[in-house]
Amino acid sequence: MARGEDRYEEFRGMHIPKEKLEEWATEYLKGCIDKISVKETRDNFSSANLVIGEHHTRENLNVFIDMLQNLKFDNEVTPYAVCYSILGMRNLKVNCGILDYAKESKDEELYRSLLEFTRVLIEKIQIDDEKKQIIDEMKELLSYYK
């Protein structure tokens, strides 16, 4: 799973058991998160999001949420980008955000933790005129989660 979707498609075509793919996905996710922790880069954050999108197991969600809660934001990985990913606003599909995956996991503590983290983060985002409408959309979308 060296670099995202292309590699994933290659593995999927090899008929590798789902359990093995999940194990590899978890290892890859942890590697991405380790790199984000040392030097936060958009590529590693995007790769971690890709893994969560394909392999949103409870273990992976917990690892990802722990990373989010310890993340130090900078120019590469911003609160705005993180909220965008959590809420699934990059996709037109319904229920494609990390918050949706947390809700589907039926792990109430995990879901509540991510929901509260997202609410607090949205409130802390410094709003410029360009992003005000999107922040308002984030707040409206967040109001649908209970």
N, C-alpha and C. Protein backbone atom coordinates (compact mmCIF):
# COMPACT_ATOMS: atom_id res chain seq x y z
N MET A 1 0.84 -1.19 0.00
CA MET A 1 0.00 0.00 0.00
C MET A 1 0.87 1.24 0.00
N ALA A 2 1.90 1.21 -0.81
CA ALA A 2 2.92 2.24 -0.79
C ALA A 2 2.39 3.64 -1.02
N ARG A 3 1.46 3.85 -1.90
CA ARG A 3 1.10 5.23 -2.19
C ARG A 3 -0.36 5.38 -2.59
N GLY A 4 -1.26 4.83 -1.80
CA GLY A 4 -2.66 5.13 -2.00
C GLY A 4 -3.43 4.18 -2.89
N GLU A 5 -4.34 4.75 -3.66
CA GLU A 5 -5.35 3.99 -4.37
C GLU A 5 -4.79 3.02 -5.41
N ASP A 6 -3.77 3.43 -6.18
CA ASP A 6 -3.22 2.55 -7.21
C ASP A 6 -2.73 1.25 -6.61
N ARG A 7 -1.99 1.37 -5.55
CA ARG A 7 -1.42 0.20 -4.89
C ARG A 7 -2.54 -0.64 -4.26
N TYR A 8 -3.54 0.02 -3.70
CA TYR A 8 -4.67 -0.70 -3.11
C TYR A 8 -5.39 -1.53 -4.17
N GLU A 9 -5.64 -0.94 -5.34
CA GLU A 9 -6.30 -1.66 -6.43
C GLU A 9 -5.49 -2.88 -6.84
N GLU A 10 -4.17 -2.73 -6.88
CA GLU A 10 -3.29 -3.84 -7.23
C GLU A 10 -3.46 -4.99 -6.24
N PHE A 11 -3.48 -4.67 -4.95
CA PHE A 11 -3.65 -5.71 -3.93
C PHE A 11 -5.04 -6.34 -4.01
N ARG A 12 -6.05 -5.51 -4.24
CA ARG A 12 -7.41 -6.01 -4.28
C ARG A 12 -7.59 -7.04 -5.40
N GLY A 13 -6.91 -6.80 -6.53
CA GLY A 13 -6.99 -7.72 -7.65
C GLY A 13 -6.28 -9.04 -7.40
N MET A 14 -5.46 -9.12 -6.37
CA MET A 14 -4.71 -10.34 -6.06
C MET A 14 -5.49 -11.29 -5.15
N HIS A 15 -6.69 -10.93 -4.78
CA HIS A 15 -7.55 -11.76 -3.93
C HIS A 15 -6.91 -12.07 -2.58
N ILE A 16 -6.29 -11.08 -2.00
CA ILE A 16 -5.72 -11.22 -0.66
C ILE A 16 -6.88 -11.16 0.33
N PRO A 17 -6.89 -12.03 1.32
CA PRO A 17 -8.00 -12.03 2.29
C PRO A 17 -8.19 -10.65 2.93
N LYS A 18 -9.45 -10.31 3.17
CA LYS A 18 -9.78 -9.01 3.75
C LYS A 18 -9.05 -8.77 5.06
N GLU A 19 -8.92 -9.80 5.88
CA GLU A 19 -8.24 -9.64 7.17
C GLU A 19 -6.79 -9.19 6.99
N LYS A 20 -6.13 -9.75 5.97
CA LYS A 20 -4.73 -9.38 5.70
C LYS A 20 -4.66 -7.94 5.21
N LEU A 21 -5.59 -7.55 4.34
CA LEU A 21 -5.62 -6.16 3.87
C LEU A 21 -5.85 -5.21 5.04
N GLU A 22 -6.75 -5.58 5.96
CA GLU A 22 -7.02 -4.75 7.13
C GLU A 22 -5.77 -4.61 7.99
N GLU A 23 -5.05 -5.71 8.16
CA GLU A 23 -3.82 -5.69 8.95
C GLU A 23 -2.79 -4.77 8.30
N TRP A 24 -2.61 -4.89 6.99
CA TRP A 24 -1.67 -4.02 6.27
C TRP A 24 -2.11 -2.56 6.34
N ALA A 25 -3.43 -2.35 6.22
CA ALA A 25 -3.95 -0.98 6.27
C ALA A 25 -3.64 -0.34 7.62
N THR A 26 -3.80 -1.10 8.69
CA THR A 26 -3.52 -0.58 10.03
C THR A 26 -2.04 -0.24 10.17
N GLU A 27 -1.16 -1.13 9.68
CA GLU A 27 0.28 -0.85 9.73
C GLU A 27 0.62 0.40 8.93
N TYR A 28 0.04 0.52 7.75
CA TYR A 28 0.31 1.67 6.89
C TYR A 28 -0.21 2.96 7.54
N LEU A 29 -1.41 2.89 8.11
CA LEU A 29 -2.00 4.04 8.79
C LEU A 29 -1.10 4.51 9.92
N LYS A 30 -0.62 3.56 10.73
CA LYS A 30 0.26 3.93 11.84
C LYS A 30 1.55 4.56 11.33
N GLY A 31 2.07 4.07 10.20
CA GLY A 31 3.27 4.67 9.60
C GLY A 31 3.02 6.09 9.15
N CYS A 32 1.88 6.33 8.52
CA CYS A 32 1.52 7.69 8.10
C CYS A 32 1.41 8.61 9.30
N ILE A 33 0.76 8.12 10.34
CA ILE A 33 0.56 8.93 11.54
C ILE A 33 1.90 9.24 12.21
N ASP A 34 2.80 8.27 12.24
CA ASP A 34 4.14 8.53 12.80
C ASP A 34 4.82 9.66 12.04
N LYS A 35 4.69 9.65 10.73
CA LYS A 35 5.31 10.70 9.92
C LYS A 35 4.64 12.05 10.15
N ILE A 36 3.32 12.04 10.32
CA ILE A 36 2.60 13.28 10.59
C ILE A 36 3.06 13.86 11.92
N SER A 37 3.25 13.00 12.91
CA SER A 37 3.66 13.45 14.24
C SER A 37 5.03 14.10 14.22
N VAL A 38 5.93 13.57 13.39
CA VAL A 38 7.28 14.12 13.33
C VAL A 38 7.31 15.38 12.48
N LYS A 39 6.79 15.28 11.28
CA LYS A 39 6.75 16.43 10.38
C LYS A 39 5.41 16.37 9.67
N GLU A 40 4.52 17.22 10.09
CA GLU A 40 3.17 17.15 9.56
C GLU A 40 3.15 17.53 8.09
N THR A 41 2.79 16.59 7.27
CA THR A 41 2.75 16.85 5.85
C THR A 41 1.38 16.53 5.30
N ARG A 42 0.98 17.29 4.33
CA ARG A 42 -0.31 17.09 3.70
C ARG A 42 -0.40 15.70 3.06
N ASP A 43 0.69 15.23 2.45
CA ASP A 43 0.68 13.91 1.80
C ASP A 43 0.37 12.80 2.79
N ASN A 44 1.03 12.82 3.94
CA ASN A 44 0.79 11.77 4.93
C ASN A 44 -0.61 11.88 5.52
N PHE A 45 -1.08 13.09 5.73
CA PHE A 45 -2.43 13.28 6.25
C PHE A 45 -3.45 12.76 5.23
N SER A 46 -3.23 13.08 3.96
CA SER A 46 -4.12 12.60 2.90
C SER A 46 -4.09 11.08 2.80
N SER A 47 -2.90 10.50 2.91
CA SER A 47 -2.78 9.04 2.87
C SER A 47 -3.52 8.40 4.04
N ALA A 48 -3.40 8.98 5.22
CA ALA A 48 -4.10 8.45 6.39
C ALA A 48 -5.62 8.52 6.17
N ASN A 49 -6.09 9.60 5.56
CA ASN A 49 -7.51 9.73 5.25
C ASN A 49 -7.96 8.67 4.25
N LEU A 50 -7.12 8.40 3.26
CA LEU A 50 -7.43 7.35 2.28
C LEU A 50 -7.60 6.00 2.95
N VAL A 51 -6.68 5.69 3.86
CA VAL A 51 -6.73 4.40 4.56
C VAL A 51 -8.02 4.31 5.38
N ILE A 52 -8.35 5.37 6.10
CA ILE A 52 -9.58 5.37 6.90
C ILE A 52 -10.80 5.21 6.00
N GLY A 53 -10.78 5.84 4.83
CA GLY A 53 -11.90 5.72 3.90
C GLY A 53 -12.14 4.29 3.44
N GLU A 54 -11.06 3.54 3.26
CA GLU A 54 -11.17 2.16 2.79
C GLU A 54 -11.26 1.15 3.94
N HIS A 55 -10.64 1.46 5.05
CA HIS A 55 -10.54 0.50 6.16
C HIS A 55 -10.91 1.18 7.48
N HIS A 56 -12.18 1.50 7.66
CA HIS A 56 -12.59 2.21 8.86
C HIS A 56 -13.02 1.24 9.96
N THR A 57 -12.05 0.44 10.40
CA THR A 57 -12.27 -0.45 11.54
C THR A 57 -12.20 0.39 12.82
N ARG A 58 -12.70 -0.16 13.90
CA ARG A 58 -12.62 0.55 15.19
C ARG A 58 -11.18 0.85 15.57
N GLU A 59 -10.30 -0.13 15.36
CA GLU A 59 -8.88 0.08 15.70
C GLU A 59 -8.30 1.24 14.90
N ASN A 60 -8.56 1.26 13.60
CA ASN A 60 -8.04 2.35 12.77
C ASN A 60 -8.64 3.69 13.17
N LEU A 61 -9.93 3.70 13.45
CA LEU A 61 -10.58 4.95 13.87
C LEU A 61 -9.98 5.45 15.19
N ASN A 62 -9.76 4.55 16.13
CA ASN A 62 -9.16 4.95 17.40
C ASN A 62 -7.75 5.51 17.20
N VAL A 63 -6.96 4.85 16.36
CA VAL A 63 -5.60 5.33 16.07
C VAL A 63 -5.66 6.71 15.44
N PHE A 64 -6.57 6.89 14.50
CA PHE A 64 -6.70 8.16 13.79
C PHE A 64 -7.16 9.28 14.73
N ILE A 65 -8.13 8.99 15.56
CA ILE A 65 -8.65 10.00 16.49
C ILE A 65 -7.59 10.38 17.52
N ASP A 66 -6.84 9.40 18.00
CA ASP A 66 -5.72 9.72 18.91
C ASP A 66 -4.74 10.67 18.24
N MET A 67 -4.44 10.40 16.97
CA MET A 67 -3.53 11.28 16.23
C MET A 67 -4.11 12.69 16.13
N LEU A 68 -5.40 12.79 15.80
CA LEU A 68 -6.03 14.11 15.67
C LEU A 68 -5.93 14.90 16.97
N GLN A 69 -6.16 14.23 18.09
CA GLN A 69 -6.16 14.92 19.37
C GLN A 69 -4.77 15.39 19.78
N ASN A 70 -3.74 14.81 19.20
CA ASN A 70 -2.36 15.22 19.51
C ASN A 70 -1.72 16.05 18.39
N LEU A 71 -2.48 16.34 17.37
CA LEU A 71 -1.96 17.04 16.20
C LEU A 71 -1.63 18.49 16.52
N LYS A 72 -0.47 18.92 16.06
CA LYS A 72 -0.08 20.32 16.15
C LYS A 72 -0.24 20.90 14.75
N PHE A 73 -1.17 21.80 14.62
CA PHE A 73 -1.50 22.33 13.30
C PHE A 73 -0.44 23.30 12.81
N ASP A 74 -0.29 23.35 11.48
CA ASP A 74 0.63 24.30 10.84
C ASP A 74 0.09 24.60 9.44
N ASN A 75 0.94 25.12 8.58
CA ASN A 75 0.52 25.47 7.23
C ASN A 75 0.16 24.25 6.39
N GLU A 76 0.75 23.11 6.71
CA GLU A 76 0.50 21.89 5.94
C GLU A 76 -0.82 21.23 6.32
N VAL A 77 -1.05 21.06 7.61
CA VAL A 77 -2.27 20.42 8.10
C VAL A 77 -2.98 21.43 9.01
N THR A 78 -4.07 21.99 8.50
CA THR A 78 -4.77 23.05 9.21
C THR A 78 -6.05 22.52 9.86
N PRO A 79 -6.57 23.23 10.87
CA PRO A 79 -7.85 22.83 11.46
C PRO A 79 -8.96 22.76 10.40
N TYR A 80 -8.92 23.67 9.46
CA TYR A 80 -9.90 23.71 8.38
C TYR A 80 -9.87 22.41 7.57
N ALA A 81 -8.67 21.97 7.18
CA ALA A 81 -8.52 20.74 6.39
C ALA A 81 -8.97 19.52 7.20
N VAL A 82 -8.66 19.51 8.48
CA VAL A 82 -9.04 18.39 9.34
C VAL A 82 -10.56 18.31 9.45
N CYS A 83 -11.22 19.43 9.69
CA CYS A 83 -12.69 19.44 9.78
C CYS A 83 -13.32 19.00 8.46
N TYR A 84 -12.73 19.44 7.38
CA TYR A 84 -13.21 19.06 6.05
C TYR A 84 -13.20 17.54 5.91
N SER A 85 -12.13 16.90 6.36
CA SER A 85 -12.01 15.44 6.28
C SER A 85 -12.96 14.74 7.25
N ILE A 86 -13.04 15.25 8.46
CA ILE A 86 -13.90 14.62 9.47
C ILE A 86 -15.36 14.62 9.00
N LEU A 87 -15.77 15.71 8.38
CA LEU A 87 -17.16 15.84 7.94
C LEU A 87 -17.41 15.27 6.55
N GLY A 88 -16.36 14.87 5.85
CA GLY A 88 -16.52 14.26 4.52
C GLY A 88 -16.93 15.24 3.45
N MET A 89 -16.51 16.49 3.57
CA MET A 89 -16.95 17.51 2.63
C MET A 89 -16.20 17.47 1.30
N ARG A 90 -15.19 16.62 1.17
CA ARG A 90 -14.47 16.51 -0.10
C ARG A 90 -15.24 15.63 -1.09
N ASN A 91 -16.18 14.87 -0.58
CA ASN A 91 -16.92 13.92 -1.40
C ASN A 91 -18.37 14.35 -1.54
N LEU A 92 -18.97 13.89 -2.61
CA LEU A 92 -20.40 14.15 -2.79
C LEU A 92 -21.23 12.99 -2.25
N LYS A 93 -20.57 11.90 -1.90
CA LYS A 93 -21.28 10.74 -1.36
C LYS A 93 -21.78 11.07 0.05
N VAL A 94 -22.87 10.44 0.43
CA VAL A 94 -23.41 10.61 1.77
C VAL A 94 -22.68 9.64 2.70
N ASN A 95 -22.50 10.04 3.94
CA ASN A 95 -21.86 9.20 4.96
C ASN A 95 -20.45 8.77 4.56
N CYS A 96 -19.64 9.73 4.18
CA CYS A 96 -18.28 9.40 3.75
C CYS A 96 -17.22 10.08 4.61
N GLY A 97 -17.64 10.79 5.64
CA GLY A 97 -16.67 11.45 6.50
C GLY A 97 -16.24 10.55 7.64
N ILE A 98 -15.15 10.91 8.27
CA ILE A 98 -14.63 10.11 9.38
C ILE A 98 -15.64 10.09 10.52
N LEU A 99 -16.37 11.17 10.71
CA LEU A 99 -17.41 11.21 11.74
C LEU A 99 -18.51 10.19 11.44
N ASP A 100 -18.85 10.04 10.16
CA ASP A 100 -19.84 9.02 9.77
C ASP A 100 -19.34 7.61 10.09
N TYR A 101 -18.06 7.37 9.79
CA TYR A 101 -17.49 6.05 10.06
C TYR A 101 -17.49 5.78 11.57
N ALA A 102 -17.19 6.81 12.35
CA ALA A 102 -17.20 6.65 13.81
C ALA A 102 -18.61 6.32 14.30
N LYS A 103 -19.61 6.97 13.72
CA LYS A 103 -20.99 6.70 14.10
C LYS A 103 -21.39 5.27 13.72
N GLU A 104 -20.99 4.84 12.51
CA GLU A 104 -21.30 3.49 12.04
C GLU A 104 -20.62 2.41 12.89
N SER A 105 -19.53 2.76 13.55
CA SER A 105 -18.77 1.77 14.33
C SER A 105 -19.54 1.28 15.55
N LYS A 106 -20.59 2.01 15.93
CA LYS A 106 -21.40 1.68 17.11
C LYS A 106 -20.60 1.78 18.41
N ASP A 107 -19.45 2.45 18.35
CA ASP A 107 -18.64 2.70 19.54
C ASP A 107 -18.99 4.11 20.01
N GLU A 108 -19.91 4.17 20.96
CA GLU A 108 -20.46 5.46 21.40
C GLU A 108 -19.37 6.41 21.92
N GLU A 109 -18.43 5.88 22.67
CA GLU A 109 -17.36 6.72 23.23
C GLU A 109 -16.48 7.30 22.12
N LEU A 110 -16.13 6.48 21.17
CA LEU A 110 -15.32 6.93 20.04
C LEU A 110 -16.06 8.02 19.26
N TYR A 111 -17.33 7.77 18.98
CA TYR A 111 -18.14 8.72 18.23
C TYR A 111 -18.28 10.05 18.97
N ARG A 112 -18.65 9.98 20.25
CA ARG A 112 -18.82 11.21 21.05
C ARG A 112 -17.52 12.00 21.14
N SER A 113 -16.42 11.30 21.30
CA SER A 113 -15.11 11.94 21.39
C SER A 113 -14.80 12.72 20.12
N LEU A 114 -15.02 12.09 18.97
CA LEU A 114 -14.74 12.76 17.69
C LEU A 114 -15.72 13.90 17.43
N LEU A 115 -16.97 13.71 17.80
CA LEU A 115 -17.99 14.75 17.63
C LEU A 115 -17.62 16.00 18.43
N GLU A 116 -17.24 15.82 19.68
CA GLU A 116 -16.85 16.95 20.53
C GLU A 116 -15.57 17.61 20.01
N PHE A 117 -14.61 16.80 19.60
CA PHE A 117 -13.36 17.32 19.03
C PHE A 117 -13.67 18.21 17.82
N THR A 118 -14.58 17.75 16.96
CA THR A 118 -14.93 18.49 15.75
C THR A 118 -15.62 19.80 16.09
N ARG A 119 -16.56 19.76 17.04
CA ARG A 119 -17.26 20.98 17.45
C ARG A 119 -16.27 22.04 17.96
N VAL A 120 -15.38 21.62 18.84
CA VAL A 120 -14.40 22.55 19.41
C VAL A 120 -13.48 23.09 18.32
N LEU A 121 -13.04 22.23 17.43
CA LEU A 121 -12.12 22.65 16.37
C LEU A 121 -12.78 23.65 15.43
N ILE A 122 -14.03 23.42 15.06
CA ILE A 122 -14.73 24.35 14.17
C ILE A 122 -14.84 25.72 14.83
N GLU A 123 -15.11 25.75 16.12
CA GLU A 123 -15.22 27.03 16.82
C GLU A 123 -13.89 27.78 16.88
N LYS A 124 -12.78 27.04 16.85
CA LYS A 124 -11.46 27.67 16.95
C LYS A 124 -10.90 28.15 15.61
N ILE A 125 -11.51 27.73 14.51
CA ILE A 125 -10.98 28.10 13.20
C ILE A 125 -11.06 29.61 13.02
N GLN A 126 -9.93 30.17 12.63
CA GLN A 126 -9.89 31.59 12.31
C GLN A 126 -10.57 31.78 10.96
N ILE A 127 -11.63 32.54 10.94
CA ILE A 127 -12.42 32.67 9.72
C ILE A 127 -12.00 33.91 8.94
N ASP A 128 -11.67 33.68 7.67
CA ASP A 128 -11.50 34.82 6.78
C ASP A 128 -12.72 34.82 5.86
N ASP A 129 -12.93 35.92 5.16
CA ASP A 129 -14.14 36.06 4.35
C ASP A 129 -14.30 34.94 3.33
N GLU A 130 -13.17 34.48 2.80
CA GLU A 130 -13.20 33.45 1.77
C GLU A 130 -13.79 32.14 2.29
N LYS A 131 -13.56 31.82 3.54
CA LYS A 131 -13.98 30.53 4.09
C LYS A 131 -15.23 30.62 4.96
N LYS A 132 -15.76 31.80 5.17
CA LYS A 132 -16.90 31.96 6.08
C LYS A 132 -18.08 31.08 5.68
N GLN A 133 -18.42 31.07 4.41
CA GLN A 133 -19.56 30.27 3.96
C GLN A 133 -19.32 28.77 4.22
N ILE A 134 -18.11 28.31 3.97
CA ILE A 134 -17.81 26.89 4.18
C ILE A 134 -17.86 26.55 5.67
N ILE A 135 -17.35 27.45 6.52
CA ILE A 135 -17.42 27.22 7.97
C ILE A 135 -18.87 27.15 8.41
N ASP A 136 -19.71 28.03 7.87
CA ASP A 136 -21.14 27.99 8.19
C ASP A 136 -21.76 26.66 7.75
N GLU A 137 -21.33 26.16 6.57
CA GLU A 137 -21.81 24.87 6.09
C GLU A 137 -21.36 23.75 7.03
N MET A 138 -20.12 23.84 7.52
CA MET A 138 -19.61 22.84 8.47
C MET A 138 -20.46 22.83 9.73
N LYS A 139 -20.77 24.02 10.24
CA LYS A 139 -21.58 24.11 11.46
C LYS A 139 -22.97 23.54 11.24
N GLU A 140 -23.55 23.83 10.06
CA GLU A 140 -24.87 23.31 9.76
C GLU A 140 -24.83 21.78 9.64
N LEU A 141 -23.83 21.27 8.94
CA LEU A 141 -23.68 19.82 8.80
C LEU A 141 -23.49 19.15 10.16
N LEU A 142 -22.70 19.76 11.01
CA LEU A 142 -22.44 19.21 12.33
C LEU A 142 -23.71 19.14 13.17
N SER A 143 -24.65 20.06 12.93
CA SER A 143 -25.89 20.07 13.71
C SER A 143 -26.75 18.83 13.45
N TYR A 144 -26.51 18.11 12.37
CA TYR A 144 -27.28 16.89 12.08
C TYR A 144 -26.81 15.70 12.90
N TYR A 145 -25.61 15.80 13.46
CA TYR A 145 -25.09 14.70 14.27
C TYR A 145 -25.57 14.88 15.71
N LYS A 146 -25.98 13.82 16.33
CA LYS A 146 -26.48 13.90 17.70
C LYS A 146 -25.69 13.00 18.60
